[in-house]
Amino acid sequence: QVQLVESGGGLVQAGGSLRLSCAASGSTFRINTIGWYRRPPGNSREFVAVISRGSSTNYADSVKGRFTISRDNAKNTVYLQMNSLKPEDTAVYYCKAVVPGVGDFWGQGTQVTVSS
C-alpha cells in the first residue's frame, strides 16, 4: 500500500506562486509515476503534470511554462511549483501514485484558490 499526503495549498493573488508537496509513505519503492491532478469548482478532475521514476515529465498544455513538477527521492516527496497563477487555476489539487500491477493511490487533496 501507498499513502499520499498533499500540503502547500492556500489563497494567493493572481500572478503569485505556490509550491505543493506530495509526501509518499508505505511501499514507495513500488511507485512508477506520481502525478498531480486538479478538480476546479463544478468540473471534473483533470490532469496537471506527471513525473516518472526516471524523472521524465509531462504537463497539461494549460500549465506548461508556469508549473514545474519535481521529486526528491530521499524524502519520498513530489513537488509542484506553480508560478504566474491565474484564477482559473483555482481547484482542489490531488496527487496520484501509480503502482504497476496493483493500482492507483490518491491523496486527500489540497485547496488552491487564486484571487483576481
PDB file of N, CA and C in Angstrom:
ATOM      1  N   GLN A   1       0.828  -1.190   0.000  1.00  0.00           N
ATOM      2  CA  GLN A   1       0.000   0.000   0.000  1.00  0.00           C
ATOM      3  C   GLN A   1       0.870   1.249   0.000  1.00  0.00           C
ATOM      4  N   VAL A   2       0.295   2.300  -0.531  1.00  0.00           N
ATOM      5  CA  VAL A   2       0.964   3.593  -0.584  1.00  0.00           C
ATOM      6  C   VAL A   2       0.023   4.646  -0.011  1.00  0.00           C
ATOM      7  N   GLN A   3       0.544   5.500   0.830  1.00  0.00           N
ATOM      8  CA  GLN A   3      -0.233   6.610   1.371  1.00  0.00           C
ATOM      9  C   GLN A   3       0.375   7.920   0.858  1.00  0.00           C
ATOM     10  N   LEU A   4      -0.488   8.848   0.509  1.00  0.00           N
ATOM     11  CA  LEU A   4      -0.055  10.139  -0.026  1.00  0.00           C
ATOM     12  C   LEU A   4      -0.702  11.257   0.775  1.00  0.00           C
ATOM     13  N   VAL A   5       0.088  12.267   1.108  1.00  0.00           N
ATOM     14  CA  VAL A   5      -0.427  13.426   1.830  1.00  0.00           C
ATOM     15  C   VAL A   5       0.029  14.688   1.110  1.00  0.00           C
ATOM     16  N   GLU A   6      -0.945  15.467   0.629  1.00  0.00           N
ATOM     17  CA  GLU A   6      -0.634  16.725  -0.031  1.00  0.00           C
ATOM     18  C   GLU A   6      -0.614  17.868   0.987  1.00  0.00           C
ATOM     19  N   SER A   7       0.170  18.877   0.689  1.00  0.00           N
ATOM     20  CA  SER A   7       0.208  20.088   1.504  1.00  0.00           C
ATOM     21  C   SER A   7       0.667  21.255   0.645  1.00  0.00           C
ATOM     22  N   GLY A   8       0.522  22.463   1.176  1.00  0.00           N
ATOM     23  CA  GLY A   8       1.028  23.638   0.485  1.00  0.00           C
ATOM     24  C   GLY A   8      -0.019  24.492  -0.188  1.00  0.00           C
ATOM     25  N   GLY A   9      -1.262  24.046  -0.180  1.00  0.00           N
ATOM     26  CA  GLY A   9      -2.310  24.850  -0.801  1.00  0.00           C
ATOM     27  C   GLY A   9      -2.602  26.107   0.013  1.00  0.00           C
ATOM     28  N   GLY A  10      -3.416  26.971  -0.567  1.00  0.00           N
ATOM     29  CA  GLY A  10      -3.791  28.195   0.124  1.00  0.00           C
ATOM     30  C   GLY A  10      -4.408  29.200  -0.803  1.00  0.00           C
ATOM     31  N   LEU A  11      -4.504  30.429  -0.305  1.00  0.00           N
ATOM     32  CA  LEU A  11      -5.066  31.549  -1.069  1.00  0.00           C
ATOM     33  C   LEU A  11      -3.934  32.439  -1.545  1.00  0.00           C
ATOM     34  N   VAL A  12      -3.928  32.760  -2.833  1.00  0.00           N
ATOM     35  CA  VAL A  12      -2.874  33.593  -3.405  1.00  0.00           C
ATOM     36  C   VAL A  12      -3.493  34.509  -4.456  1.00  0.00           C
ATOM     37  N   GLN A  13      -2.901  35.662  -4.653  1.00  0.00           N
ATOM     38  CA  GLN A  13      -3.380  36.578  -5.685  1.00  0.00           C
ATOM     39  C   GLN A  13      -2.892  36.141  -7.055  1.00  0.00           C
ATOM     40  N   ALA A  14      -3.628  36.529  -8.071  1.00  0.00           N
ATOM     41  CA  ALA A  14      -3.222  36.226  -9.445  1.00  0.00           C
ATOM     42  C   ALA A  14      -1.805  36.754  -9.692  1.00  0.00           C
ATOM     43  N   GLY A  15      -1.003  35.938 -10.358  1.00  0.00           N
ATOM     44  CA  GLY A  15       0.389  36.282 -10.603  1.00  0.00           C
ATOM     45  C   GLY A  15       1.337  35.751  -9.557  1.00  0.00           C
ATOM     46  N   GLY A  16       0.795  35.260  -8.457  1.00  0.00           N
ATOM     47  CA  GLY A  16       1.607  34.737  -7.369  1.00  0.00           C
ATOM     48  C   GLY A  16       2.033  33.301  -7.591  1.00  0.00           C
ATOM     49  N   SER A  17       2.688  32.741  -6.559  1.00  0.00           N
ATOM     50  CA  SER A  17       3.231  31.393  -6.641  1.00  0.00           C
ATOM     51  C   SER A  17       2.870  30.585  -5.409  1.00  0.00           C
ATOM     52  N   LEU A  18       2.813  29.297  -5.596  1.00  0.00           N
ATOM     53  CA  LEU A  18       2.658  28.337  -4.503  1.00  0.00           C
ATOM     54  C   LEU A  18       3.471  27.104  -4.855  1.00  0.00           C
ATOM     55  N   ARG A  19       3.909  26.391  -3.823  1.00  0.00           N
ATOM     56  CA  ARG A  19       4.542  25.093  -4.035  1.00  0.00           C
ATOM     57  C   ARG A  19       3.782  24.037  -3.259  1.00  0.00           C
ATOM     58  N   LEU A  20       3.261  23.074  -3.990  1.00  0.00           N
ATOM     59  CA  LEU A  20       2.569  21.945  -3.376  1.00  0.00           C
ATOM     60  C   LEU A  20       3.544  20.802  -3.155  1.00  0.00           C
ATOM     61  N   SER A  21       3.294  20.049  -2.086  1.00  0.00           N
ATOM     62  CA  SER A  21       4.100  18.870  -1.781  1.00  0.00           C
ATOM     63  C   SER A  21       3.200  17.652  -1.696  1.00  0.00           C
ATOM     64  N   CYS A  22       3.722  16.525  -2.124  1.00  0.00           N
ATOM     65  CA  CYS A  22       3.027  15.242  -2.028  1.00  0.00           C
ATOM     66  C   CYS A  22       4.006  14.267  -1.386  1.00  0.00           C
ATOM     67  N   ALA A  23       3.765  13.974  -0.117  1.00  0.00           N
ATOM     68  CA  ALA A  23       4.649  13.075   0.632  1.00  0.00           C
ATOM     69  C   ALA A  23       4.093  11.657   0.575  1.00  0.00           C
ATOM     70  N   ALA A  24       4.921  10.735   0.130  1.00  0.00           N
ATOM     71  CA  ALA A  24       4.516   9.337  -0.006  1.00  0.00           C
ATOM     72  C   ALA A  24       5.110   8.507   1.120  1.00  0.00           C
ATOM     73  N   SER A  25       4.349   7.506   1.554  1.00  0.00           N
ATOM     74  CA  SER A  25       4.838   6.561   2.557  1.00  0.00           C
ATOM     75  C   SER A  25       4.286   5.183   2.221  1.00  0.00           C
ATOM     76  N   GLY A  26       4.816   4.191   2.904  1.00  0.00           N
ATOM     77  CA  GLY A  26       4.420   2.819   2.612  1.00  0.00           C
ATOM     78  C   GLY A  26       5.372   2.200   1.603  1.00  0.00           C
ATOM     79  N   SER A  27       4.836   1.480   0.655  1.00  0.00           N
ATOM     80  CA  SER A  27       5.664   0.770  -0.329  1.00  0.00           C
ATOM     81  C   SER A  27       6.085   1.706  -1.466  1.00  0.00           C
ATOM     82  N   THR A  28       6.840   2.726  -1.108  1.00  0.00           N
ATOM     83  CA  THR A  28       7.189   3.760  -2.089  1.00  0.00           C
ATOM     84  C   THR A  28       8.107   3.218  -3.179  1.00  0.00           C
ATOM     85  N   PHE A  29       8.845   2.141  -2.880  1.00  0.00           N
ATOM     86  CA  PHE A  29       9.769   1.597  -3.878  1.00  0.00           C
ATOM     87  C   PHE A  29       9.012   1.007  -5.063  1.00  0.00           C
ATOM     88  N   ARG A  30       7.716   0.757  -4.899  1.00  0.00           N
ATOM     89  CA  ARG A  30       6.918   0.173  -5.964  1.00  0.00           C
ATOM     90  C   ARG A  30       6.284   1.224  -6.881  1.00  0.00           C
ATOM     91  N   ILE A  31       6.388   2.481  -6.499  1.00  0.00           N
ATOM     92  CA  ILE A  31       5.743   3.538  -7.284  1.00  0.00           C
ATOM     93  C   ILE A  31       6.466   3.734  -8.608  1.00  0.00           C
ATOM     94  N   ASN A  32       5.699   3.813  -9.694  1.00  0.00           N
ATOM     95  CA  ASN A  32       6.272   4.080 -11.008  1.00  0.00           C
ATOM     96  C   ASN A  32       6.205   5.580 -11.312  1.00  0.00           C
ATOM     97  N   THR A  33       5.008   6.115 -11.349  1.00  0.00           N
ATOM     98  CA  THR A  33       4.858   7.549 -11.608  1.00  0.00           C
ATOM     99  C   THR A  33       4.025   8.188 -10.503  1.00  0.00           C
ATOM    100  N   ILE A  34       4.229   9.471 -10.305  1.00  0.00           N
ATOM    101  CA  ILE A  34       3.366  10.281  -9.441  1.00  0.00           C
ATOM    102  C   ILE A  34       2.919  11.489 -10.245  1.00  0.00           C
ATOM    103  N   GLY A  35       1.632  11.739 -10.218  1.00  0.00           N
ATOM    104  CA  GLY A  35       1.090  12.861 -10.977  1.00  0.00           C
ATOM    105  C   GLY A  35       0.263  13.780 -10.108  1.00  0.00           C
ATOM    106  N   TRP A  36       0.085  14.980 -10.609  1.00  0.00           N
ATOM    107  CA  TRP A  36      -0.811  15.955  -9.985  1.00  0.00           C
ATOM    108  C   TRP A  36      -2.041  16.128 -10.874  1.00  0.00           C
ATOM    109  N   TYR A  37      -3.184  16.163 -10.233  1.00  0.00           N
ATOM    110  CA  TYR A  37      -4.459  16.387 -10.896  1.00  0.00           C
ATOM    111  C   TYR A  37      -5.181  17.481 -10.120  1.00  0.00           C
ATOM    112  N   ARG A  38      -6.200  18.047 -10.743  1.00  0.00           N
ATOM    113  CA  ARG A  38      -6.969  19.066 -10.039  1.00  0.00           C
ATOM    114  C   ARG A  38      -8.444  18.980 -10.430  1.00  0.00           C
ATOM    115  N   ARG A  39      -9.292  19.409  -9.485  1.00  0.00           N
ATOM    116  CA  ARG A  39     -10.733  19.469  -9.745  1.00  0.00           C
ATOM    117  C   ARG A  39     -11.196  20.895  -9.515  1.00  0.00           C
ATOM    118  N   PRO A  40     -11.394  21.650 -10.601  1.00  0.00           N
ATOM    119  CA  PRO A  40     -11.924  23.025 -10.455  1.00  0.00           C
ATOM    120  C   PRO A  40     -13.360  22.990  -9.955  1.00  0.00           C
ATOM    121  N   PRO A  41     -13.844  24.070  -9.380  1.00  0.00           N
ATOM    122  CA  PRO A  41     -15.231  24.096  -8.892  1.00  0.00           C
ATOM    123  C   PRO A  41     -16.223  23.764 -10.005  1.00  0.00           C
ATOM    124  N   GLY A  42     -17.078  22.790  -9.758  1.00  0.00           N
ATOM    125  CA  GLY A  42     -18.112  22.431 -10.713  1.00  0.00           C
ATOM    126  C   GLY A  42     -17.640  21.630 -11.908  1.00  0.00           C
ATOM    127  N   ASN A  43     -16.376  21.238 -11.913  1.00  0.00           N
ATOM    128  CA  ASN A  43     -15.840  20.492 -13.053  1.00  0.00           C
ATOM    129  C   ASN A  43     -15.259  19.154 -12.608  1.00  0.00           C
ATOM    130  N   SER A  44     -14.948  18.325 -13.585  1.00  0.00           N
ATOM    131  CA  SER A  44     -14.365  17.025 -13.270  1.00  0.00           C
ATOM    132  C   SER A  44     -12.856  17.159 -13.074  1.00  0.00           C
ATOM    133  N   ARG A  45     -12.274  16.140 -12.503  1.00  0.00           N
ATOM    134  CA  ARG A  45     -10.849  16.154 -12.235  1.00  0.00           C
ATOM    135  C   ARG A  45     -10.069  16.108 -13.554  1.00  0.00           C
ATOM    136  N   GLU A  46      -8.977  16.861 -13.616  1.00  0.00           N
ATOM    137  CA  GLU A  46      -8.186  16.926 -14.838  1.00  0.00           C
ATOM    138  C   GLU A  46      -6.703  16.762 -14.528  1.00  0.00           C
ATOM    139  N   PHE A  47      -5.981  16.302 -15.516  1.00  0.00           N
ATOM    140  CA  PHE A  47      -4.536  16.082 -15.403  1.00  0.00           C
ATOM    141  C   PHE A  47      -3.806  17.412 -15.376  1.00  0.00           C
ATOM    142  N   VAL A  48      -2.752  17.484 -14.534  1.00  0.00           N
ATOM    143  CA  VAL A  48      -1.918  18.684 -14.478  1.00  0.00           C
ATOM    144  C   VAL A  48      -0.483  18.371 -14.914  1.00  0.00           C
ATOM    145  N   ALA A  49       0.141  17.412 -14.237  1.00  0.00           N
ATOM    146  CA  ALA A  49       1.541  17.093 -14.533  1.00  0.00           C
ATOM    147  C   ALA A  49       1.859  15.719 -13.966  1.00  0.00           C
ATOM    148  N   VAL A  50       2.906  15.098 -14.510  1.00  0.00           N
ATOM    149  CA  VAL A  50       3.324  13.779 -14.033  1.00  0.00           C
ATOM    150  C   VAL A  50       4.833  13.671 -14.127  1.00  0.00           C
ATOM    151  N   ILE A  51       5.414  12.888 -13.214  1.00  0.00           N
ATOM    152  CA  ILE A  51       6.841  12.642 -13.234  1.00  0.00           C
ATOM    153  C   ILE A  51       7.076  11.148 -13.033  1.00  0.00           C
ATOM    154  N   SER A  52       7.987  10.596 -13.814  1.00  0.00           N
ATOM    155  CA  SER A  52       8.256   9.164 -13.738  1.00  0.00           C
ATOM    156  C   SER A  52       9.369   8.881 -12.735  1.00  0.00           C
ATOM    157  N   ARG A  53       9.606   7.596 -12.516  1.00  0.00           N
ATOM    158  CA  ARG A  53      10.700   7.190 -11.635  1.00  0.00           C
ATOM    159  C   ARG A  53      12.034   7.710 -12.158  1.00  0.00           C
ATOM    160  N   GLY A  54      12.147   7.784 -13.479  1.00  0.00           N
ATOM    161  CA  GLY A  54      13.366   8.297 -14.091  1.00  0.00           C
ATOM    162  C   GLY A  54      13.381   9.809 -14.253  1.00  0.00           C
ATOM    163  N   SER A  55      12.374  10.479 -13.689  1.00  0.00           N
ATOM    164  CA  SER A  55      12.254  11.937 -13.672  1.00  0.00           C
ATOM    165  C   SER A  55      11.905  12.555 -15.015  1.00  0.00           C
ATOM    166  N   SER A  56      11.368  11.772 -15.936  1.00  0.00           N
ATOM    167  CA  SER A  56      10.800  12.402 -17.123  1.00  0.00           C
ATOM    168  C   SER A  56       9.456  12.998 -16.743  1.00  0.00           C
ATOM    169  N   THR A  57       9.103  14.088 -17.395  1.00  0.00           N
ATOM    170  CA  THR A  57       7.914  14.833 -17.001  1.00  0.00           C
ATOM    171  C   THR A  57       6.987  15.088 -18.182  1.00  0.00           C
ATOM    172  N   ASN A  58       5.749  15.360 -17.863  1.00  0.00           N
ATOM    173  CA  ASN A  58       4.764  15.734 -18.866  1.00  0.00           C
ATOM    174  C   ASN A  58       3.770  16.686 -18.211  1.00  0.00           C
ATOM    175  N   TYR A  59       3.277  17.644 -18.988  1.00  0.00           N
ATOM    176  CA  TYR A  59       2.394  18.675 -18.443  1.00  0.00           C
ATOM    177  C   TYR A  59       1.155  18.868 -19.315  1.00  0.00           C
ATOM    178  N   ALA A  60       0.087  19.286 -18.686  1.00  0.00           N
ATOM    179  CA  ALA A  60      -1.079  19.747 -19.428  1.00  0.00           C
ATOM    180  C   ALA A  60      -0.712  21.053 -20.137  1.00  0.00           C
ATOM    181  N   ASP A  61      -1.299  21.256 -21.302  1.00  0.00           N
ATOM    182  CA  ASP A  61      -0.986  22.468 -22.064  1.00  0.00           C
ATOM    183  C   ASP A  61      -1.290  23.733 -21.260  1.00  0.00           C
ATOM    184  N   SER A  62      -2.312  23.678 -20.436  1.00  0.00           N
ATOM    185  CA  SER A  62      -2.751  24.861 -19.701  1.00  0.00           C
ATOM    186  C   SER A  62      -1.749  25.328 -18.647  1.00  0.00           C
ATOM    187  N   VAL A  63      -0.795  24.468 -18.271  1.00  0.00           N
ATOM    188  CA  VAL A  63       0.159  24.841 -17.223  1.00  0.00           C
ATOM    189  C   VAL A  63       1.603  24.870 -17.712  1.00  0.00           C
ATOM    190  N   LYS A  64       1.841  24.464 -18.942  1.00  0.00           N
ATOM    191  CA  LYS A  64       3.215  24.451 -19.470  1.00  0.00           C
ATOM    192  C   LYS A  64       3.836  25.839 -19.387  1.00  0.00           C
ATOM    193  N   GLY A  65       5.067  25.856 -18.913  1.00  0.00           N
ATOM    194  CA  GLY A  65       5.780  27.126 -18.787  1.00  0.00           C
ATOM    195  C   GLY A  65       5.501  27.848 -17.487  1.00  0.00           C
ATOM    196  N   ARG A  66       4.496  27.407 -16.739  1.00  0.00           N
ATOM    197  CA  ARG A  66       4.161  28.042 -15.455  1.00  0.00           C
ATOM    198  C   ARG A  66       4.374  27.105 -14.272  1.00  0.00           C
ATOM    199  N   PHE A  67       4.096  25.820 -14.455  1.00  0.00           N
ATOM    200  CA  PHE A  67       4.212  24.826 -13.381  1.00  0.00           C
ATOM    201  C   PHE A  67       5.420  23.933 -13.643  1.00  0.00           C
ATOM    202  N   THR A  68       6.051  23.504 -12.565  1.00  0.00           N
ATOM    203  CA  THR A  68       7.166  22.572 -12.654  1.00  0.00           C
ATOM    204  C   THR A  68       6.991  21.464 -11.633  1.00  0.00           C
ATOM    205  N   ILE A  69       7.040  20.225 -12.094  1.00  0.00           N
ATOM    206  CA  ILE A  69       6.955  19.066 -11.205  1.00  0.00           C
ATOM    207  C   ILE A  69       8.371  18.535 -10.975  1.00  0.00           C
ATOM    208  N   SER A  70       8.654  18.142  -9.737  1.00  0.00           N
ATOM    209  CA  SER A  70       9.974  17.602  -9.415  1.00  0.00           C
ATOM    210  C   SER A  70       9.815  16.595  -8.292  1.00  0.00           C
ATOM    211  N   ARG A  71      10.879  15.840  -8.054  1.00  0.00           N
ATOM    212  CA  ARG A  71      10.799  14.845  -6.988  1.00  0.00           C
ATOM    213  C   ARG A  71      12.096  14.808  -6.213  1.00  0.00           C
ATOM    214  N   ASP A  72      11.974  14.504  -4.925  1.00  0.00           N
ATOM    215  CA  ASP A  72      13.120  14.295  -4.036  1.00  0.00           C
ATOM    216  C   ASP A  72      12.989  12.870  -3.536  1.00  0.00           C
ATOM    217  N   ASN A  73      13.740  11.962  -4.145  1.00  0.00           N
ATOM    218  CA  ASN A  73      13.597  10.539  -3.811  1.00  0.00           C
ATOM    219  C   ASN A  73      14.001  10.252  -2.367  1.00  0.00           C
ATOM    220  N   ALA A  74      14.949  10.995  -1.855  1.00  0.00           N
ATOM    221  CA  ALA A  74      15.394  10.772  -0.477  1.00  0.00           C
ATOM    222  C   ALA A  74      14.284  11.080   0.522  1.00  0.00           C
ATOM    223  N   LYS A  75      13.403  12.017   0.156  1.00  0.00           N
ATOM    224  CA  LYS A  75      12.301  12.398   1.036  1.00  0.00           C
ATOM    225  C   LYS A  75      10.980  11.778   0.608  1.00  0.00           C
ATOM    226  N   ASN A  76      11.009  10.983  -0.461  1.00  0.00           N
ATOM    227  CA  ASN A  76       9.770  10.379  -0.990  1.00  0.00           C
ATOM    228  C   ASN A  76       8.698  11.439  -1.201  1.00  0.00           C
ATOM    229  N   THR A  77       9.107  12.547  -1.765  1.00  0.00           N
ATOM    230  CA  THR A  77       8.200  13.681  -1.938  1.00  0.00           C
ATOM    231  C   THR A  77       8.263  14.198  -3.372  1.00  0.00           C
ATOM    232  N   VAL A  78       7.108  14.519  -3.900  1.00  0.00           N
ATOM    233  CA  VAL A  78       6.999  15.152  -5.207  1.00  0.00           C
ATOM    234  C   VAL A  78       6.435  16.552  -5.010  1.00  0.00           C
ATOM    235  N   TYR A  79       6.989  17.498  -5.751  1.00  0.00           N
ATOM    236  CA  TYR A  79       6.589  18.893  -5.612  1.00  0.00           C
ATOM    237  C   TYR A  79       5.930  19.396  -6.902  1.00  0.00           C
ATOM    238  N   LEU A  80       5.072  20.376  -6.744  1.00  0.00           N
ATOM    239  CA  LEU A  80       4.525  21.084  -7.894  1.00  0.00           C
ATOM    240  C   LEU A  80       4.709  22.570  -7.627  1.00  0.00           C
ATOM    241  N   GLN A  81       5.696  23.158  -8.303  1.00  0.00           N
ATOM    242  CA  GLN A  81       5.926  24.593  -8.204  1.00  0.00           C
ATOM    243  C   GLN A  81       5.006  25.290  -9.187  1.00  0.00           C
ATOM    244  N   MET A  82       4.161  26.163  -8.682  1.00  0.00           N
ATOM    245  CA  MET A  82       3.175  26.838  -9.512  1.00  0.00           C
ATOM    246  C   MET A  82       3.460  28.339  -9.511  1.00  0.00           C
ATOM    247  N   ASN A  83       3.814  28.860 -10.670  1.00  0.00           N
ATOM    248  CA  ASN A  83       4.102  30.272 -10.828  1.00  0.00           C
ATOM    249  C   ASN A  83       3.079  30.931 -11.747  1.00  0.00           C
ATOM    250  N   SER A  84       3.032  32.244 -11.716  1.00  0.00           N
ATOM    251  CA  SER A  84       2.117  33.010 -12.576  1.00  0.00           C
ATOM    252  C   SER A  84       0.696  32.463 -12.490  1.00  0.00           C
ATOM    253  N   LEU A  85       0.243  32.250 -11.277  1.00  0.00           N
ATOM    254  CA  LEU A  85      -1.068  31.632 -11.074  1.00  0.00           C
ATOM    255  C   LEU A  85      -2.186  32.527 -11.594  1.00  0.00           C
ATOM    256  N   LYS A  86      -3.211  31.872 -12.100  1.00  0.00           N
ATOM    257  CA  LYS A  86      -4.385  32.523 -12.665  1.00  0.00           C
ATOM    258  C   LYS A  86      -5.628  32.097 -11.888  1.00  0.00           C
ATOM    259  N   PRO A  87      -6.679  32.907 -11.902  1.00  0.00           N
ATOM    260  CA  PRO A  87      -7.913  32.493 -11.214  1.00  0.00           C
ATOM    261  C   PRO A  87      -8.420  31.135 -11.693  1.00  0.00           C
ATOM    262  N   GLU A  88      -8.200  30.813 -12.963  1.00  0.00           N
ATOM    263  CA  GLU A  88      -8.675  29.520 -13.477  1.00  0.00           C
ATOM    264  C   GLU A  88      -7.859  28.337 -12.966  1.00  0.00           C
ATOM    265  N   ASP A  89      -6.779  28.598 -12.226  1.00  0.00           N
ATOM    266  CA  ASP A  89      -6.034  27.523 -11.572  1.00  0.00           C
ATOM    267  C   ASP A  89      -6.678  27.123 -10.246  1.00  0.00           C
ATOM    268  N   THR A  90      -7.696  27.860  -9.820  1.00  0.00           N
ATOM    269  CA  THR A  90      -8.390  27.525  -8.579  1.00  0.00           C
ATOM    270  C   THR A  90      -8.990  26.128  -8.670  1.00  0.00           C
ATOM    271  N   ALA A  91      -8.664  25.292  -7.694  1.00  0.00           N
ATOM    272  CA  ALA A  91      -9.113  23.900  -7.712  1.00  0.00           C
ATOM    273  C   ALA A  91      -8.630  23.197  -6.450  1.00  0.00           C
ATOM    274  N   VAL A  92      -9.147  22.010  -6.239  1.00  0.00           N
ATOM    275  CA  VAL A  92      -8.548  21.094  -5.273  1.00  0.00           C
ATOM    276  C   VAL A  92      -7.506  20.276  -6.038  1.00  0.00           C
ATOM    277  N   TYR A  93      -6.289  20.279  -5.543  1.00  0.00           N
ATOM    278  CA  TYR A  93      -5.187  19.580  -6.199  1.00  0.00           C
ATOM    279  C   TYR A  93      -4.920  18.257  -5.487  1.00  0.00           C
ATOM    280  N   TYR A  94      -4.805  17.208  -6.280  1.00  0.00           N
ATOM    281  CA  TYR A  94      -4.572  15.859  -5.765  1.00  0.00           C
ATOM    282  C   TYR A  94      -3.295  15.292  -6.380  1.00  0.00           C
ATOM    283  N   CYS A  95      -2.598  14.450  -5.628  1.00  0.00           N
ATOM    284  CA  CYS A  95      -1.531  13.675  -6.244  1.00  0.00           C
ATOM    285  C   CYS A  95      -1.958  12.210  -6.310  1.00  0.00           C
ATOM    286  N   LYS A  96      -1.426  11.546  -7.315  1.00  0.00           N
ATOM    287  CA  LYS A  96      -1.763  10.151  -7.567  1.00  0.00           C
ATOM    288  C   LYS A  96      -0.486   9.373  -7.843  1.00  0.00           C
ATOM    289  N   ALA A  97      -0.346   8.244  -7.169  1.00  0.00           N
ATOM    290  CA  ALA A  97       0.789   7.350  -7.396  1.00  0.00           C
ATOM    291  C   ALA A  97       0.296   6.115  -8.135  1.00  0.00           C
ATOM    292  N   VAL A  98       1.058   5.703  -9.130  1.00  0.00           N
ATOM    293  CA  VAL A  98       0.725   4.515  -9.897  1.00  0.00           C
ATOM    294  C   VAL A  98       1.693   3.399  -9.528  1.00  0.00           C
ATOM    295  N   VAL A  99       1.145   2.295  -9.072  1.00  0.00           N
ATOM    296  CA  VAL A  99       1.941   1.123  -8.736  1.00  0.00           C
ATOM    297  C   VAL A  99       1.567   0.034  -9.729  1.00  0.00           C
ATOM    298  N   PRO A 100       2.474  -0.310 -10.632  1.00  0.00           N
ATOM    299  CA  PRO A 100       2.170  -1.318 -11.655  1.00  0.00           C
ATOM    300  C   PRO A 100       1.729  -2.637 -11.050  1.00  0.00           C
ATOM    301  N   GLY A 101       0.641  -3.163 -11.607  1.00  0.00           N
ATOM    302  CA  GLY A 101       0.135  -4.447 -11.141  1.00  0.00           C
ATOM    303  C   GLY A 101      -0.713  -4.372  -9.884  1.00  0.00           C
ATOM    304  N   VAL A 102      -0.783  -3.172  -9.306  1.00  0.00           N
ATOM    305  CA  VAL A 102      -1.564  -3.002  -8.074  1.00  0.00           C
ATOM    306  C   VAL A 102      -2.690  -2.002  -8.306  1.00  0.00           C
ATOM    307  N   GLY A 103      -2.340  -0.798  -8.713  1.00  0.00           N
ATOM    308  CA  GLY A 103      -3.367   0.195  -8.965  1.00  0.00           C
ATOM    309  C   GLY A 103      -2.909   1.602  -8.668  1.00  0.00           C
ATOM    310  N   ASP A 104      -3.875   2.496  -8.564  1.00  0.00           N
ATOM    311  CA  ASP A 104      -3.609   3.908  -8.314  1.00  0.00           C
ATOM    312  C   ASP A 104      -3.947   4.258  -6.870  1.00  0.00           C
ATOM    313  N   PHE A 105      -3.147   5.151  -6.298  1.00  0.00           N
ATOM    314  CA  PHE A 105      -3.374   5.626  -4.942  1.00  0.00           C
ATOM    315  C   PHE A 105      -3.468   7.153  -4.979  1.00  0.00           C
ATOM    316  N   TRP A 106      -4.467   7.685  -4.261  1.00  0.00           N
ATOM    317  CA  TRP A 106      -4.709   9.122  -4.267  1.00  0.00           C
ATOM    318  C   TRP A 106      -4.539   9.716  -2.878  1.00  0.00           C
ATOM    319  N   GLY A 107      -4.126  10.973  -2.852  1.00  0.00           N
ATOM    320  CA  GLY A 107      -4.123  11.718  -1.618  1.00  0.00           C
ATOM    321  C   GLY A 107      -5.486  12.341  -1.375  1.00  0.00           C
ATOM    322  N   GLN A 108      -5.591  13.096  -0.274  1.00  0.00           N
ATOM    323  CA  GLN A 108      -6.874  13.659   0.127  1.00  0.00           C
ATOM    324  C   GLN A 108      -7.145  14.996  -0.533  1.00  0.00           C
ATOM    325  N   GLY A 109      -6.119  15.606  -1.127  1.00  0.00           N
ATOM    326  CA  GLY A 109      -6.293  16.865  -1.832  1.00  0.00           C
ATOM    327  C   GLY A 109      -5.953  18.078  -0.991  1.00  0.00           C
ATOM    328  N   THR A 110      -5.570  19.155  -1.670  1.00  0.00           N
ATOM    329  CA  THR A 110      -5.292  20.424  -1.011  1.00  0.00           C
ATOM    330  C   THR A 110      -5.882  21.543  -1.861  1.00  0.00           C
ATOM    331  N   GLN A 111      -6.537  22.490  -1.213  1.00  0.00           N
ATOM    332  CA  GLN A 111      -7.247  23.552  -1.920  1.00  0.00           C
ATOM    333  C   GLN A 111      -6.292  24.667  -2.326  1.00  0.00           C
ATOM    334  N   VAL A 112      -6.384  25.062  -3.584  1.00  0.00           N
ATOM    335  CA  VAL A 112      -5.663  26.228  -4.097  1.00  0.00           C
ATOM    336  C   VAL A 112      -6.698  27.224  -4.608  1.00  0.00           C
ATOM    337  N   THR A 113      -6.646  28.438  -4.086  1.00  0.00           N
ATOM    338  CA  THR A 113      -7.573  29.477  -4.512  1.00  0.00           C
ATOM    339  C   THR A 113      -6.769  30.681  -4.994  1.00  0.00           C
ATOM    340  N   VAL A 114      -7.026  31.101  -6.222  1.00  0.00           N
ATOM    341  CA  VAL A 114      -6.317  32.233  -6.813  1.00  0.00           C
ATOM    342  C   VAL A 114      -7.322  33.367  -7.004  1.00  0.00           C
ATOM    343  N   SER A 115      -7.078  34.469  -6.331  1.00  0.00           N
ATOM    344  CA  SER A 115      -7.992  35.608  -6.432  1.00  0.00           C
ATOM    345  C   SER A 115      -7.534  36.553  -7.533  1.00  0.00           C
ATOM    346  N   SER A 116      -8.503  37.193  -8.160  1.00  0.00           N
ATOM    347  CA  SER A 116      -8.186  38.111  -9.265  1.00  0.00           C
ATOM    348  C   SER A 116      -7.941  39.518  -8.768  1.00  0.00           C
TER     349      SER A 116
END
